[in-house]
Amino acid sequence: MLWPATLLGAVAGLAVASIPGALLGGLLGQVLDRRWRLHNWTVLRERLGGKPAQADEMLLFVLLGRLAKCDGHVQQVHIQQARSEMQRLGLDAAQQRRAIEAFARGKVGRDSLRAPLRRQQAQAEALLRACWRMAWVDGRVSQPERELIVLWGKWLNVSAATQEALSSAYAPRPGGLAAAGGGSYREALRLLGVAADSEPMQIKRAYRRLLSRHHPDKIAGSGASAERVREATEKTRELHQAYGLIRERHGFR
C-alpha cells in the first residue's frame, strides 16, 4: 500500500533538513494518510478536489454487470439500474459508453476483481451501496448475489455488520409496487405521472426526472435520516418496476 502524504512529507523534509527532516516529514505525512485514509495517489487527488479516476467508475460497472448476470439472466430492471448509476455519477456520452463496455465485461465474468477492490477501500461503502441496490432491484437477493457482495466486502475490509446494514437499507418493504412484482398498469402510470396515450419520449423524461429526484444517494447527501433514505430506495425501485411495465405495454425500448 502506498501512503502518498508520508512519501511527500519525507521528500520535503529531506530537502529542507536532511535525514531528521525526512523522518519528521514522513511522520507528519503518515498522520495525514491515516486520518484522511489516503491509500493511494487517486484518493489524494480526490481529497484535493479532483475528479474520481475513470478506472474507478468503470470498476463499479464491472461489479454491477457481474451481479446482473449472477443468476444467469440479465433483466431489464438490471439494465435500468445500471443506467440510473450512470445518471447519478453524471457520466458524459463517452464515459457512458465505457461504462456499458465495463458492464458487459462484468457479465462475462473474466475480470479478476480482488486486487482492484483492495485498492478501493476508501470508496468501499459507495461501491457496496451500489451493489446492494443492483442486487435488490428485482425485489429479492439470491444466494449467489449475496455471496458475491459479501466476498467483495471482505476484500474491501468491510465488516459483516456494515454489510447487513447496507443490505437492509435497500431491501423492499411489504406492500409496495416492487414487492408486488410490478403492480398494475394503471398504478404504474400514476407513479410516473403519465397517461396511457403519452408519447414514449414523454414517458422516458418523466421516468428520468423522478429517478433524479428520488435517488437514495441524493437524499442521503442532503443529510436526511436513514428512514428517508430507505423510503427513497423503495420509491426508486417502484419507478424501475413501473417504467418496465409501461415500456413493455407500449412496446418501446
C-alpha atoms as a PDB file:
ATOM      1  CA  MET A   1       0.000   0.000   0.000  1.00  0.00           C
ATOM      2  CA  LEU A   2       1.341   3.450  -0.927  1.00  0.00           C
ATOM      3  CA  TRP A   3       0.918   6.278   1.567  1.00  0.00           C
ATOM      4  CA  PRO A   4       1.238   9.446  -0.583  1.00  0.00           C
ATOM      5  CA  ALA A   5       1.347  12.064   2.186  1.00  0.00           C
ATOM      6  CA  THR A   6       4.014  10.052   4.018  1.00  0.00           C
ATOM      7  CA  LEU A   7       6.166   9.980   0.885  1.00  0.00           C
ATOM      8  CA  LEU A   8       5.640  13.660   0.119  1.00  0.00           C
ATOM      9  CA  GLY A   9       6.387  14.629   3.708  1.00  0.00           C
ATOM     10  CA  ALA A  10       9.583  12.597   3.762  1.00  0.00           C
ATOM     11  CA  VAL A  11      10.801  14.056   0.462  1.00  0.00           C
ATOM     12  CA  ALA A  12      10.010  17.626   1.522  1.00  0.00           C
ATOM     13  CA  GLY A  13      11.648  17.094   4.921  1.00  0.00           C
ATOM     14  CA  LEU A  14      14.753  15.651   3.300  1.00  0.00           C
ATOM     15  CA  ALA A  15      15.066  18.680   1.045  1.00  0.00           C
ATOM     16  CA  VAL A  16      14.706  21.114   3.948  1.00  0.00           C
ATOM     17  CA  ALA A  17      16.530  19.437   6.838  1.00  0.00           C
ATOM     18  CA  SER A  18      18.251  16.298   5.602  1.00  0.00           C
ATOM     19  CA  ILE A  19      17.548  12.993   7.355  1.00  0.00           C
ATOM     20  CA  PRO A  20      15.951  14.426  10.558  1.00  0.00           C
ATOM     21  CA  GLY A  21      13.645  16.485   8.364  1.00  0.00           C
ATOM     22  CA  ALA A  22      12.732  13.418   6.305  1.00  0.00           C
ATOM     23  CA  LEU A  23      11.837  11.478   9.456  1.00  0.00           C
ATOM     24  CA  LEU A  24       9.706  14.301  10.819  1.00  0.00           C
ATOM     25  CA  GLY A  25       8.041  14.964   7.455  1.00  0.00           C
ATOM     26  CA  GLY A  26       7.307  11.269   6.977  1.00  0.00           C
ATOM     27  CA  LEU A  27       5.777  11.043  10.456  1.00  0.00           C
ATOM     28  CA  LEU A  28       3.521  14.041   9.868  1.00  0.00           C
ATOM     29  CA  GLY A  29       2.563  12.693   6.455  1.00  0.00           C
ATOM     30  CA  GLN A  30       1.643   9.346   7.950  1.00  0.00           C
ATOM     31  CA  VAL A  31      -0.711  11.080  10.381  1.00  0.00           C
ATOM     32  CA  LEU A  32      -2.474  12.731   7.419  1.00  0.00           C
ATOM     33  CA  ASP A  33      -2.578   9.475   5.465  1.00  0.00           C
ATOM     34  CA  ARG A  34      -4.250   7.635   8.327  1.00  0.00           C
ATOM     35  CA  ARG A  35      -6.627  10.416   9.248  1.00  0.00           C
ATOM     36  CA  TRP A  36      -7.775  11.020   5.666  1.00  0.00           C
ATOM     37  CA  ARG A  37      -7.402   7.368   4.588  1.00  0.00           C
ATOM     38  CA  LEU A  38      -5.093   8.287   1.734  1.00  0.00           C
ATOM     39  CA  HIS A  39      -4.374   4.789   0.468  1.00  0.00           C
ATOM     40  CA  ASN A  40      -3.063   5.894  -2.944  1.00  0.00           C
ATOM     41  CA  TRP A  41      -2.500   8.888  -5.224  1.00  0.00           C
ATOM     42  CA  THR A  42      -6.015   8.663  -6.645  1.00  0.00           C
ATOM     43  CA  VAL A  43      -7.594   9.178  -3.218  1.00  0.00           C
ATOM     44  CA  LEU A  44      -5.258  12.106  -2.535  1.00  0.00           C
ATOM     45  CA  ARG A  45      -6.287  13.747  -5.810  1.00  0.00           C
ATOM     46  CA  GLU A  46      -9.954  13.321  -4.956  1.00  0.00           C
ATOM     47  CA  ARG A  47      -9.407  14.787  -1.471  1.00  0.00           C
ATOM     48  CA  LEU A  48      -7.824  17.831  -3.118  1.00  0.00           C
ATOM     49  CA  GLY A  49     -10.891  18.324  -5.287  1.00  0.00           C
ATOM     50  CA  GLY A  50     -10.027  16.259  -8.352  1.00  0.00           C
ATOM     51  CA  LYS A  51     -12.477  14.002 -10.184  1.00  0.00           C
ATOM     52  CA  PRO A  52     -12.609  10.267  -9.421  1.00  0.00           C
ATOM     53  CA  ALA A  53     -10.427   8.191 -11.704  1.00  0.00           C
ATOM     54  CA  GLN A  54     -12.323   6.785 -14.677  1.00  0.00           C
ATOM     55  CA  ALA A  55     -10.976   3.330 -13.889  1.00  0.00           C
ATOM     56  CA  ASP A  56     -12.706   3.533 -10.502  1.00  0.00           C
ATOM     57  CA  GLU A  57     -16.033   4.356 -12.119  1.00  0.00           C
ATOM     58  CA  MET A  58     -15.622   1.565 -14.628  1.00  0.00           C
ATOM     59  CA  LEU A  59     -14.823  -0.938 -11.847  1.00  0.00           C
ATOM     60  CA  LEU A  60     -18.243  -0.189 -10.391  1.00  0.00           C
ATOM     61  CA  PHE A  61     -19.937  -1.175 -13.652  1.00  0.00           C
ATOM     62  CA  VAL A  62     -17.913  -4.370 -13.900  1.00  0.00           C
ATOM     63  CA  LEU A  63     -19.271  -5.265 -10.444  1.00  0.00           C
ATOM     64  CA  LEU A  64     -22.822  -4.374 -11.464  1.00  0.00           C
ATOM     65  CA  GLY A  65     -22.562  -6.471 -14.623  1.00  0.00           C
ATOM     66  CA  ARG A  66     -21.302  -9.444 -12.620  1.00  0.00           C
ATOM     67  CA  LEU A  67     -24.251  -9.134 -10.227  1.00  0.00           C
ATOM     68  CA  ALA A  68     -26.819  -8.688 -13.002  1.00  0.00           C
ATOM     69  CA  LYS A  69     -25.663 -11.905 -14.674  1.00  0.00           C
ATOM     70  CA  CYS A  70     -25.215 -13.764 -11.386  1.00  0.00           C
ATOM     71  CA  ASP A  71     -28.445 -15.760 -11.689  1.00  0.00           C
ATOM     72  CA  GLY A  72     -27.936 -16.494 -15.386  1.00  0.00           C
ATOM     73  CA  HIS A  73     -30.247 -13.872 -16.915  1.00  0.00           C
ATOM     74  CA  VAL A  74     -29.932 -10.076 -17.043  1.00  0.00           C
ATOM     75  CA  GLN A  75     -33.347  -8.492 -16.550  1.00  0.00           C
ATOM     76  CA  GLN A  76     -34.475  -5.130 -17.874  1.00  0.00           C
ATOM     77  CA  VAL A  77     -34.545  -3.737 -14.334  1.00  0.00           C
ATOM     78  CA  HIS A  78     -30.829  -4.537 -14.034  1.00  0.00           C
ATOM     79  CA  ILE A  79     -30.092  -2.524 -17.164  1.00  0.00           C
ATOM     80  CA  GLN A  80     -32.262   0.319 -15.906  1.00  0.00           C
ATOM     81  CA  GLN A  81     -30.428   0.285 -12.573  1.00  0.00           C
ATOM     82  CA  ALA A  82     -27.053   0.475 -14.340  1.00  0.00           C
ATOM     83  CA  ARG A  83     -28.325   3.470 -16.312  1.00  0.00           C
ATOM     84  CA  SER A  84     -29.513   5.045 -13.079  1.00  0.00           C
ATOM     85  CA  GLU A  85     -25.996   4.728 -11.667  1.00  0.00           C
ATOM     86  CA  MET A  86     -24.593   6.391 -14.790  1.00  0.00           C
ATOM     87  CA  GLN A  87     -27.021   9.243 -14.293  1.00  0.00           C
ATOM     88  CA  ARG A  88     -26.122   9.508 -10.602  1.00  0.00           C
ATOM     89  CA  LEU A  89     -22.419   9.807 -11.468  1.00  0.00           C
ATOM     90  CA  GLY A  90     -23.131  12.374 -14.160  1.00  0.00           C
ATOM     91  CA  LEU A  91     -21.277  10.437 -16.866  1.00  0.00           C
ATOM     92  CA  ASP A  92     -20.992  12.060 -20.270  1.00  0.00           C
ATOM     93  CA  ALA A  93     -21.608  10.175 -23.524  1.00  0.00           C
ATOM     94  CA  ALA A  94     -18.049   8.821 -23.806  1.00  0.00           C
ATOM     95  CA  GLN A  95     -17.999   7.730 -20.175  1.00  0.00           C
ATOM     96  CA  GLN A  96     -21.368   6.041 -20.600  1.00  0.00           C
ATOM     97  CA  ARG A  97     -20.001   4.023 -23.496  1.00  0.00           C
ATOM     98  CA  ARG A  98     -17.087   2.870 -21.343  1.00  0.00           C
ATOM     99  CA  ALA A  99     -19.489   2.066 -18.505  1.00  0.00           C
ATOM    100  CA  ILE A 100     -21.620  -0.060 -20.860  1.00  0.00           C
ATOM    101  CA  GLU A 101     -18.484  -1.886 -22.016  1.00  0.00           C
ATOM    102  CA  ALA A 102     -17.475  -2.476 -18.383  1.00  0.00           C
ATOM    103  CA  PHE A 103     -20.981  -3.757 -17.577  1.00  0.00           C
ATOM    104  CA  ALA A 104     -20.714  -6.199 -20.490  1.00  0.00           C
ATOM    105  CA  ARG A 105     -17.282  -7.371 -19.259  1.00  0.00           C
ATOM    106  CA  GLY A 106     -18.782  -7.938 -15.838  1.00  0.00           C
ATOM    107  CA  LYS A 107     -21.472 -10.156 -17.335  1.00  0.00           C
ATOM    108  CA  VAL A 108     -18.780 -12.332 -18.911  1.00  0.00           C
ATOM    109  CA  GLY A 109     -17.106 -12.646 -15.513  1.00  0.00           C
ATOM    110  CA  ARG A 110     -13.471 -12.897 -16.589  1.00  0.00           C
ATOM    111  CA  ASP A 111     -12.096  -9.831 -14.780  1.00  0.00           C
ATOM    112  CA  SER A 112     -10.089 -10.507 -11.629  1.00  0.00           C
ATOM    113  CA  LEU A 113     -11.632  -8.226  -9.003  1.00  0.00           C
ATOM    114  CA  ARG A 114      -9.684  -8.901  -5.810  1.00  0.00           C
ATOM    115  CA  ALA A 115      -6.718  -6.594  -6.462  1.00  0.00           C
ATOM    116  CA  PRO A 116      -8.792  -3.702  -7.919  1.00  0.00           C
ATOM    117  CA  LEU A 117     -11.165  -3.833  -4.951  1.00  0.00           C
ATOM    118  CA  ARG A 118      -8.334  -3.860  -2.426  1.00  0.00           C
ATOM    119  CA  ARG A 119      -7.162  -0.584  -3.970  1.00  0.00           C
ATOM    120  CA  GLN A 120     -10.608   0.987  -3.475  1.00  0.00           C
ATOM    121  CA  GLN A 121     -11.021   0.756   0.300  1.00  0.00           C
ATOM    122  CA  ALA A 122     -11.617   4.500   0.531  1.00  0.00           C
ATOM    123  CA  GLN A 123     -14.647   4.012  -1.755  1.00  0.00           C
ATOM    124  CA  ALA A 124     -15.795   0.784  -0.113  1.00  0.00           C
ATOM    125  CA  GLU A 125     -19.179   1.903   1.183  1.00  0.00           C
ATOM    126  CA  ALA A 126     -20.136   3.707  -2.028  1.00  0.00           C
ATOM    127  CA  LEU A 127     -19.262   0.642  -4.117  1.00  0.00           C
ATOM    128  CA  LEU A 128     -21.163  -1.731  -1.849  1.00  0.00           C
ATOM    129  CA  ARG A 129     -24.205   0.537  -1.700  1.00  0.00           C
ATOM    130  CA  ALA A 130     -24.408   0.451  -5.496  1.00  0.00           C
ATOM    131  CA  CYS A 131     -24.006  -3.337  -5.448  1.00  0.00           C
ATOM    132  CA  TRP A 132     -26.805  -3.827  -2.931  1.00  0.00           C
ATOM    133  CA  ARG A 133     -29.040  -1.514  -4.976  1.00  0.00           C
ATOM    134  CA  MET A 134     -28.429  -3.703  -8.018  1.00  0.00           C
ATOM    135  CA  ALA A 135     -28.999  -6.913  -6.083  1.00  0.00           C
ATOM    136  CA  TRP A 136     -32.293  -5.725  -4.596  1.00  0.00           C
ATOM    137  CA  VAL A 137     -33.628  -4.011  -7.742  1.00  0.00           C
ATOM    138  CA  ASP A 138     -35.793  -7.016  -8.694  1.00  0.00           C
ATOM    139  CA  GLY A 139     -37.187  -7.243  -5.156  1.00  0.00           C
ATOM    140  CA  ARG A 140     -35.028 -10.156  -3.948  1.00  0.00           C
ATOM    141  CA  VAL A 141     -31.394 -11.077  -3.357  1.00  0.00           C
ATOM    142  CA  SER A 142     -30.377 -14.569  -4.425  1.00  0.00           C
ATOM    143  CA  GLN A 143     -27.794 -16.593  -2.546  1.00  0.00           C
ATOM    144  CA  PRO A 144     -25.158 -16.209  -5.310  1.00  0.00           C
ATOM    145  CA  GLU A 145     -25.687 -12.438  -5.323  1.00  0.00           C
ATOM    146  CA  ARG A 146     -25.324 -12.239  -1.552  1.00  0.00           C
ATOM    147  CA  GLU A 147     -22.209 -14.409  -1.556  1.00  0.00           C
ATOM    148  CA  LEU A 148     -20.572 -12.223  -4.202  1.00  0.00           C
ATOM    149  CA  ILE A 149     -21.217  -8.965  -2.353  1.00  0.00           C
ATOM    150  CA  VAL A 150     -20.079 -10.463   0.960  1.00  0.00           C
ATOM    151  CA  LEU A 151     -16.849 -11.620  -0.699  1.00  0.00           C
ATOM    152  CA  TRP A 152     -16.257  -8.194  -2.221  1.00  0.00           C
ATOM    153  CA  GLY A 153     -16.888  -6.659   1.196  1.00  0.00           C
ATOM    154  CA  LYS A 154     -14.162  -8.832   2.707  1.00  0.00           C
ATOM    155  CA  TRP A 155     -11.709  -7.652   0.051  1.00  0.00           C
ATOM    156  CA  LEU A 156     -12.736  -4.079   0.898  1.00  0.00           C
ATOM    157  CA  ASN A 157     -12.287  -4.722   4.648  1.00  0.00           C
ATOM    158  CA  VAL A 158     -15.957  -4.011   5.404  1.00  0.00           C
ATOM    159  CA  SER A 159     -17.457  -5.685   8.459  1.00  0.00           C
ATOM    160  CA  ALA A 160     -20.358  -8.131   8.341  1.00  0.00           C
ATOM    161  CA  ALA A 161     -22.439  -5.750  10.461  1.00  0.00           C
ATOM    162  CA  THR A 162     -21.922  -2.923   7.961  1.00  0.00           C
ATOM    163  CA  GLN A 163     -22.806  -5.242   5.095  1.00  0.00           C
ATOM    164  CA  GLU A 164     -26.037  -6.241   6.805  1.00  0.00           C
ATOM    165  CA  ALA A 165     -26.938  -2.611   7.425  1.00  0.00           C
ATOM    166  CA  LEU A 166     -26.301  -1.707   3.791  1.00  0.00           C
ATOM    167  CA  SER A 167     -28.377  -4.641   2.559  1.00  0.00           C
ATOM    168  CA  SER A 168     -31.258  -3.767   4.887  1.00  0.00           C
ATOM    169  CA  ALA A 169     -31.232  -0.166   3.668  1.00  0.00           C
ATOM    170  CA  TYR A 170     -32.206  -1.306   0.168  1.00  0.00           C
ATOM    171  CA  ALA A 171     -34.484  -4.253   0.959  1.00  0.00           C
ATOM    172  CA  PRO A 172     -38.104  -3.763  -0.238  1.00  0.00           C
ATOM    173  CA  ARG A 173     -40.923  -3.111   2.146  1.00  0.00           C
ATOM    174  CA  PRO A 174     -44.056  -5.276   2.106  1.00  0.00           C
ATOM    175  CA  GLY A 175     -46.955  -3.920   0.120  1.00  0.00           C
ATOM    176  CA  GLY A 176     -45.139  -1.669  -2.359  1.00  0.00           C
ATOM    177  CA  LEU A 177     -45.313  -1.874  -6.132  1.00  0.00           C
ATOM    178  CA  ALA A 178     -41.893  -3.569  -6.326  1.00  0.00           C
ATOM    179  CA  ALA A 179     -42.843  -6.085  -3.663  1.00  0.00           C
ATOM    180  CA  ALA A 180     -45.988  -6.910  -5.612  1.00  0.00           C
ATOM    181  CA  GLY A 181     -43.921  -7.869  -8.638  1.00  0.00           C
ATOM    182  CA  GLY A 182     -44.650  -4.850 -10.773  1.00  0.00           C
ATOM    183  CA  GLY A 183     -48.208  -3.905  -9.781  1.00  0.00           C
ATOM    184  CA  SER A 184     -50.929  -2.861 -12.168  1.00  0.00           C
ATOM    185  CA  TYR A 185     -50.533  -0.893 -15.369  1.00  0.00           C
ATOM    186  CA  ARG A 186     -52.784   1.872 -14.029  1.00  0.00           C
ATOM    187  CA  GLU A 187     -50.703   2.161 -10.855  1.00  0.00           C
ATOM    188  CA  ALA A 188     -47.545   2.322 -12.961  1.00  0.00           C
ATOM    189  CA  LEU A 189     -48.977   5.230 -14.979  1.00  0.00           C
ATOM    190  CA  ARG A 190     -49.888   7.006 -11.759  1.00  0.00           C
ATOM    191  CA  LEU A 191     -46.403   6.599 -10.323  1.00  0.00           C
ATOM    192  CA  LEU A 192     -44.770   8.151 -13.378  1.00  0.00           C
ATOM    193  CA  GLY A 193     -47.439  10.827 -13.714  1.00  0.00           C
ATOM    194  CA  VAL A 194     -48.193   9.997 -17.354  1.00  0.00           C
ATOM    195  CA  ALA A 195     -51.275   8.993 -19.334  1.00  0.00           C
ATOM    196  CA  ALA A 196     -51.899   5.813 -21.297  1.00  0.00           C
ATOM    197  CA  ASP A 197     -51.639   7.771 -24.559  1.00  0.00           C
ATOM    198  CA  SER A 198     -48.410   9.600 -23.640  1.00  0.00           C
ATOM    199  CA  GLU A 199     -45.606   9.519 -26.197  1.00  0.00           C
ATOM    200  CA  PRO A 200     -42.585   7.278 -25.386  1.00  0.00           C
ATOM    201  CA  MET A 201     -40.258  10.297 -25.097  1.00  0.00           C
ATOM    202  CA  GLN A 202     -42.614  11.940 -22.611  1.00  0.00           C
ATOM    203  CA  ILE A 203     -42.677   8.735 -20.529  1.00  0.00           C
ATOM    204  CA  LYS A 204     -38.885   8.490 -20.607  1.00  0.00           C
ATOM    205  CA  ARG A 205     -38.476  12.105 -19.488  1.00  0.00           C
ATOM    206  CA  ALA A 206     -40.915  11.614 -16.603  1.00  0.00           C
ATOM    207  CA  TYR A 207     -39.096   8.461 -15.513  1.00  0.00           C
ATOM    208  CA  ARG A 208     -35.647  10.071 -15.597  1.00  0.00           C
ATOM    209  CA  ARG A 209     -36.846  13.205 -13.803  1.00  0.00           C
ATOM    210  CA  LEU A 210     -38.376  11.157 -10.977  1.00  0.00           C
ATOM    211  CA  LEU A 211     -35.271   8.962 -10.710  1.00  0.00           C
ATOM    212  CA  SER A 212     -33.113  12.043 -10.293  1.00  0.00           C
ATOM    213  CA  ARG A 213     -35.440  13.499  -7.668  1.00  0.00           C
ATOM    214  CA  HIS A 214     -35.744  10.348  -5.554  1.00  0.00           C
ATOM    215  CA  HIS A 215     -32.295   8.766  -5.905  1.00  0.00           C
ATOM    216  CA  PRO A 216     -31.188   7.477  -2.455  1.00  0.00           C
ATOM    217  CA  ASP A 217     -27.687   8.921  -2.754  1.00  0.00           C
ATOM    218  CA  LYS A 218     -29.091  12.383  -3.433  1.00  0.00           C
ATOM    219  CA  ILE A 219     -31.369  12.088  -0.400  1.00  0.00           C
ATOM    220  CA  ALA A 220     -28.527  10.787   1.787  1.00  0.00           C
ATOM    221  CA  GLY A 221     -26.262  13.620   0.632  1.00  0.00           C
ATOM    222  CA  SER A 222     -28.775  16.166   1.949  1.00  0.00           C
ATOM    223  CA  GLY A 223     -28.337  14.826   5.496  1.00  0.00           C
ATOM    224  CA  ALA A 224     -31.682  13.014   5.597  1.00  0.00           C
ATOM    225  CA  SER A 225     -32.431  10.288   8.123  1.00  0.00           C
ATOM    226  CA  ALA A 226     -31.945   6.585   7.436  1.00  0.00           C
ATOM    227  CA  GLU A 227     -35.731   6.250   7.220  1.00  0.00           C
ATOM    228  CA  ARG A 228     -35.948   8.814   4.405  1.00  0.00           C
ATOM    229  CA  VAL A 229     -33.103   7.130   2.531  1.00  0.00           C
ATOM    230  CA  ARG A 230     -34.951   3.820   2.806  1.00  0.00           C
ATOM    231  CA  GLU A 231     -38.150   5.437   1.512  1.00  0.00           C
ATOM    232  CA  ALA A 232     -36.215   6.900  -1.432  1.00  0.00           C
ATOM    233  CA  THR A 233     -34.755   3.476  -2.180  1.00  0.00           C
ATOM    234  CA  GLU A 234     -38.207   1.918  -2.263  1.00  0.00           C
ATOM    235  CA  LYS A 235     -39.511   4.742  -4.441  1.00  0.00           C
ATOM    236  CA  THR A 236     -36.645   4.245  -6.907  1.00  0.00           C
ATOM    237  CA  ARG A 237     -37.335   0.519  -7.093  1.00  0.00           C
ATOM    238  CA  GLU A 238     -41.023   1.181  -7.762  1.00  0.00           C
ATOM    239  CA  LEU A 239     -40.123   3.627 -10.522  1.00  0.00           C
ATOM    240  CA  HIS A 240     -37.966   0.957 -12.178  1.00  0.00           C
ATOM    241  CA  GLN A 241     -40.813  -1.536 -11.995  1.00  0.00           C
ATOM    242  CA  ALA A 242     -43.394   0.958 -13.243  1.00  0.00           C
ATOM    243  CA  TYR A 243     -41.275   2.083 -16.180  1.00  0.00           C
ATOM    244  CA  GLY A 244     -40.533  -1.511 -17.149  1.00  0.00           C
ATOM    245  CA  LEU A 245     -44.242  -2.373 -17.127  1.00  0.00           C
ATOM    246  CA  ILE A 246     -45.226   0.675 -19.204  1.00  0.00           C
ATOM    247  CA  ARG A 247     -42.351   0.180 -21.642  1.00  0.00           C
ATOM    248  CA  GLU A 248     -43.389  -3.431 -22.182  1.00  0.00           C
ATOM    249  CA  ARG A 249     -47.043  -2.480 -22.669  1.00  0.00           C
ATOM    250  CA  HIS A 250     -46.206   0.314 -25.142  1.00  0.00           C
ATOM    251  CA  GLY A 251     -43.530  -1.680 -26.953  1.00  0.00           C
ATOM    252  CA  PHE A 252     -40.683   0.846 -26.967  1.00  0.00           C
ATOM    253  CA  ARG A 253     -37.036   0.494 -25.907  1.00  0.00           C
END
